[in-house]
Amino acid sequence: MRAPAHHPVHWVALFVSAAGLAMAGTPLLAAPLTVQVRNSQGQPLADAVVAVEVRGARRTAAASTVAQMSQKDREFQPMLLVIQTGSAVNFPNFDTVRHHVYSFSPIKTFEIKLYAGTPTAPVVFDKPGVAALGCNIHDRMSAYIVVVDTPLFGRSDAKGQVQLDVPAGEHQLKAWHGGMGPDAAMLSQTVTVAAAGGQATVSLPVK
């Protein structure tokens, strides 16, 4: 089997809501945090994953949390999926050809051998980190699933910015980009958010 090729990321899930915070045990009173992500040259970096870990908040998703990574037009859709630890992921195949989805990543090693339609059982991602996915039949197919210990996460836009609503206080800010490779740990730094909100800048080792 072949390790998946690295492609630019194009999409990431964003699940930040008052309801989600309440379920996670995080206070509903939140302040806006703007995170500016830059590359190693100091330029804005799009399609970076940003997550904020709040002390005391629930680290794992509710048992019923299910996400989806499809195969369509011989591509993974989305090519980048962000989920909270403990989430299950379905891998429906909407193509007329069969796929063989796999990951050799330490956080989750699995195979869904040649199949059509939707596998009966979703795959549960119970460890944080980055899983690189590939298809053993179609070499050009690759994707990432980023698993984080928080319901607060998002993707940087074309300006390299992510906006999240987080409680005031001191938190851990984590960031990752596909250009870092699947074996790279998320960069972590402390961020302090005032009651009126705050800003933070993250520099990632990506050209």
Protein backbone atom coordinates (compact mmCIF):
# COMPACT_ATOMS: atom_id res chain seq x y z
CA MET A 1 0.00 0.00 0.00
CA ARG A 2 1.14 3.51 -0.71
CA ALA A 3 1.28 6.45 1.66
CA PRO A 4 -1.06 9.25 0.54
CA ALA A 5 0.43 12.15 -1.38
CA HIS A 6 0.33 15.62 0.18
CA HIS A 7 -2.16 17.94 -1.48
CA PRO A 8 -3.17 21.48 -0.50
CA VAL A 9 -6.10 21.49 1.86
CA HIS A 10 -9.33 23.00 0.60
CA TRP A 11 -11.98 22.58 3.26
CA VAL A 12 -12.37 22.17 6.96
CA ALA A 13 -15.39 21.72 9.21
CA LEU A 14 -16.22 24.50 11.65
CA PHE A 15 -18.28 23.70 14.72
CA VAL A 16 -18.42 26.65 17.09
CA SER A 17 -21.74 27.53 18.68
CA ALA A 18 -23.22 28.49 22.00
CA ALA A 19 -25.01 25.16 22.13
CA GLY A 20 -21.76 23.31 21.49
CA LEU A 21 -19.98 25.26 24.21
CA ALA A 22 -22.73 24.53 26.68
CA MET A 23 -22.60 20.82 25.94
CA ALA A 24 -18.81 20.91 26.33
CA GLY A 25 -19.11 22.50 29.75
CA THR A 26 -17.71 25.84 28.61
CA PRO A 27 -19.40 29.04 29.88
CA LEU A 28 -21.74 30.61 27.34
CA LEU A 29 -20.29 34.09 27.93
CA ALA A 30 -17.66 34.20 25.23
CA ALA A 31 -15.51 36.86 23.63
CA PRO A 32 -14.34 37.10 20.01
CA LEU A 33 -10.81 35.88 19.37
CA THR A 34 -9.17 36.66 16.03
CA VAL A 35 -6.22 34.43 15.18
CA GLN A 36 -3.80 35.50 12.43
CA VAL A 37 -1.90 32.58 10.92
CA ARG A 38 1.33 33.27 9.03
CA ASN A 39 3.86 31.14 7.18
CA SER A 40 7.61 31.10 7.75
CA GLN A 41 7.98 34.21 5.55
CA GLY A 42 5.44 36.12 7.60
CA GLN A 43 2.75 35.97 4.92
CA PRO A 44 -0.91 35.13 5.65
CA LEU A 45 -1.49 31.38 5.51
CA ALA A 46 -4.85 30.05 4.36
CA ASP A 47 -6.31 26.62 5.14
CA ALA A 48 -4.61 26.23 8.50
CA VAL A 49 -6.41 24.42 11.31
CA VAL A 50 -6.76 26.45 14.50
CA ALA A 51 -8.13 25.06 17.77
CA VAL A 52 -8.49 26.57 21.24
CA GLU A 53 -8.43 24.30 24.29
CA VAL A 54 -10.30 25.77 27.26
CA ARG A 55 -9.44 24.50 30.72
CA GLY A 56 -12.35 22.60 32.20
CA ALA A 57 -14.18 22.16 28.90
CA ARG A 58 -15.17 18.73 27.72
CA ARG A 59 -12.32 17.28 25.65
CA THR A 60 -14.30 14.56 23.87
CA ALA A 61 -17.34 14.80 21.65
CA ALA A 62 -20.76 13.50 22.61
CA ALA A 63 -21.20 9.81 21.82
CA SER A 64 -23.65 10.60 19.02
CA THR A 65 -21.25 12.89 17.12
CA VAL A 66 -20.78 11.69 13.54
CA ALA A 67 -18.94 13.40 10.68
CA GLN A 68 -18.58 12.40 7.05
CA MET A 69 -15.77 12.13 4.53
CA SER A 70 -17.11 11.09 1.15
CA GLN A 71 -15.49 9.75 -1.97
CA LYS A 72 -16.85 11.46 -5.06
CA ASP A 73 -15.32 12.00 -8.51
CA ARG A 74 -12.40 9.91 -7.24
CA GLU A 75 -11.55 12.46 -4.57
CA PHE A 76 -12.04 12.69 -0.85
CA GLN A 77 -14.60 15.35 -0.01
CA PRO A 78 -13.63 17.23 2.07
CA MET A 79 -9.88 16.87 1.66
CA LEU A 80 -9.48 18.20 5.19
CA LEU A 81 -11.87 17.30 7.97
CA VAL A 82 -11.55 18.56 11.54
CA ILE A 83 -13.36 16.72 14.32
CA GLN A 84 -13.38 16.60 18.09
CA THR A 85 -11.80 13.59 19.77
CA GLY A 86 -14.25 10.71 20.08
CA SER A 87 -16.17 11.58 16.92
CA ALA A 88 -17.15 8.87 14.45
CA VAL A 89 -16.61 9.33 10.72
CA ASN A 90 -18.58 7.74 7.90
CA PHE A 91 -16.89 7.13 4.54
CA PRO A 92 -19.67 6.88 1.93
CA ASN A 93 -18.57 6.07 -1.61
CA PHE A 94 -20.64 7.97 -4.20
CA ASP A 95 -18.53 6.83 -7.15
CA THR A 96 -19.38 4.00 -9.52
CA VAL A 97 -15.99 2.41 -8.78
CA ARG A 98 -14.95 0.82 -5.52
CA HIS A 99 -12.45 2.43 -3.17
CA HIS A 100 -10.05 1.04 -0.57
CA VAL A 101 -9.64 3.68 2.15
CA TYR A 102 -6.82 3.38 4.66
CA SER A 103 -4.64 5.21 7.16
CA PHE A 104 -1.34 4.14 8.69
CA SER A 105 -1.20 7.15 11.00
CA PRO A 106 -0.38 6.47 14.68
CA ILE A 107 -3.54 8.15 15.97
CA LYS A 108 -5.73 5.83 13.90
CA THR A 109 -4.73 2.86 11.77
CA PHE A 110 -7.57 1.35 9.77
CA GLU A 111 -8.62 -0.09 6.42
CA ILE A 112 -11.95 -0.15 4.66
CA LYS A 113 -11.25 -2.63 1.89
CA LEU A 114 -12.75 -2.47 -1.60
CA TYR A 115 -16.29 -1.26 -1.14
CA ALA A 116 -19.20 0.61 -2.67
CA GLY A 117 -21.93 2.51 -0.86
CA THR A 118 -21.53 3.28 2.85
CA PRO A 119 -19.73 0.95 5.28
CA THR A 120 -21.95 -0.36 8.05
CA ALA A 121 -19.79 0.91 10.90
CA PRO A 122 -18.20 4.37 11.04
CA VAL A 123 -14.61 4.78 12.21
CA VAL A 124 -14.19 6.33 15.67
CA PHE A 125 -11.20 8.66 16.13
CA ASP A 126 -10.41 8.47 19.84
CA LYS A 127 -6.96 10.11 19.90
CA PRO A 128 -5.98 13.69 19.01
CA GLY A 129 -3.59 14.34 16.15
CA VAL A 130 -3.45 14.10 12.36
CA ALA A 131 -4.47 11.10 10.28
CA ALA A 132 -3.39 10.96 6.63
CA LEU A 133 -5.76 9.00 4.41
CA GLY A 134 -5.31 7.41 1.03
CA CYS A 135 -6.96 5.03 -1.41
CA ASN A 136 -5.02 1.91 -2.33
CA ILE A 137 -6.69 1.85 -5.75
CA HIS A 138 -6.37 5.51 -6.74
CA ASP A 139 -2.95 6.95 -5.94
CA ARG A 140 -3.90 10.60 -6.33
CA MET A 141 -6.58 10.40 -3.66
CA SER A 142 -5.45 11.74 -0.29
CA ALA A 143 -6.96 13.63 2.62
CA TYR A 144 -6.39 14.58 6.25
CA ILE A 145 -8.51 14.17 9.35
CA VAL A 146 -7.38 16.43 12.19
CA VAL A 147 -8.62 15.39 15.63
CA VAL A 148 -8.66 17.99 18.41
CA ASP A 149 -9.51 17.91 22.13
CA THR A 150 -11.96 20.83 21.90
CA PRO A 151 -15.19 21.87 20.17
CA LEU A 152 -13.57 25.22 19.32
CA PHE A 153 -11.84 24.99 15.95
CA GLY A 154 -11.82 26.53 12.50
CA ARG A 155 -9.89 27.10 9.27
CA SER A 156 -7.95 30.20 8.31
CA ASP A 157 -9.41 32.14 5.39
CA ALA A 158 -7.61 33.73 2.42
CA LYS A 159 -6.31 36.44 4.77
CA GLY A 160 -4.93 33.82 7.14
CA GLN A 161 -7.52 34.63 9.79
CA VAL A 162 -9.78 32.56 12.00
CA GLN A 163 -12.43 34.01 14.30
CA LEU A 164 -13.69 32.01 17.26
CA ASP A 165 -15.85 32.86 20.27
CA VAL A 166 -14.05 31.73 23.42
CA PRO A 167 -14.39 32.45 27.14
CA ALA A 168 -12.15 35.12 28.63
CA GLY A 169 -9.03 33.72 30.25
CA GLU A 170 -5.83 31.88 29.45
CA HIS A 171 -6.11 29.02 26.97
CA GLN A 172 -3.98 26.79 24.75
CA LEU A 173 -4.03 27.75 21.09
CA LYS A 174 -3.06 25.02 18.63
CA ALA A 175 -2.48 25.23 14.88
CA TRP A 176 -1.51 22.95 12.01
CA HIS A 177 -1.28 23.11 8.22
CA GLY A 178 -1.07 20.40 5.58
CA GLY A 179 2.29 21.79 4.47
CA MET A 180 3.73 20.64 7.80
CA GLY A 181 3.04 17.02 6.92
CA PRO A 182 0.94 14.43 8.77
CA ASP A 183 3.70 13.55 11.25
CA ALA A 184 4.07 17.11 12.55
CA ALA A 185 2.43 17.85 15.87
CA MET A 186 0.13 20.82 16.15
CA LEU A 187 2.00 23.95 17.21
CA SER A 188 0.88 25.00 20.69
CA GLN A 189 1.07 28.35 22.45
CA THR A 190 -0.70 30.14 25.27
CA VAL A 191 -3.25 32.80 24.44
CA THR A 192 -4.93 35.21 26.86
CA VAL A 193 -8.38 36.50 25.97
CA ALA A 194 -9.88 39.55 27.70
CA ALA A 195 -13.59 39.92 28.40
CA ALA A 196 -13.87 42.20 25.37
CA GLY A 197 -12.02 39.76 23.11
CA GLY A 198 -8.49 39.48 21.83
CA GLN A 199 -6.07 38.75 19.01
CA ALA A 200 -3.28 36.25 18.54
CA THR A 201 -0.70 35.51 15.86
CA VAL A 202 0.59 32.04 14.98
CA SER A 203 3.60 31.38 12.76
CA LEU A 204 3.81 27.93 11.18
CA PRO A 205 6.85 26.31 9.55
CA VAL A 206 5.30 26.36 6.08
CA LYS A 207 6.73 28.20 3.07
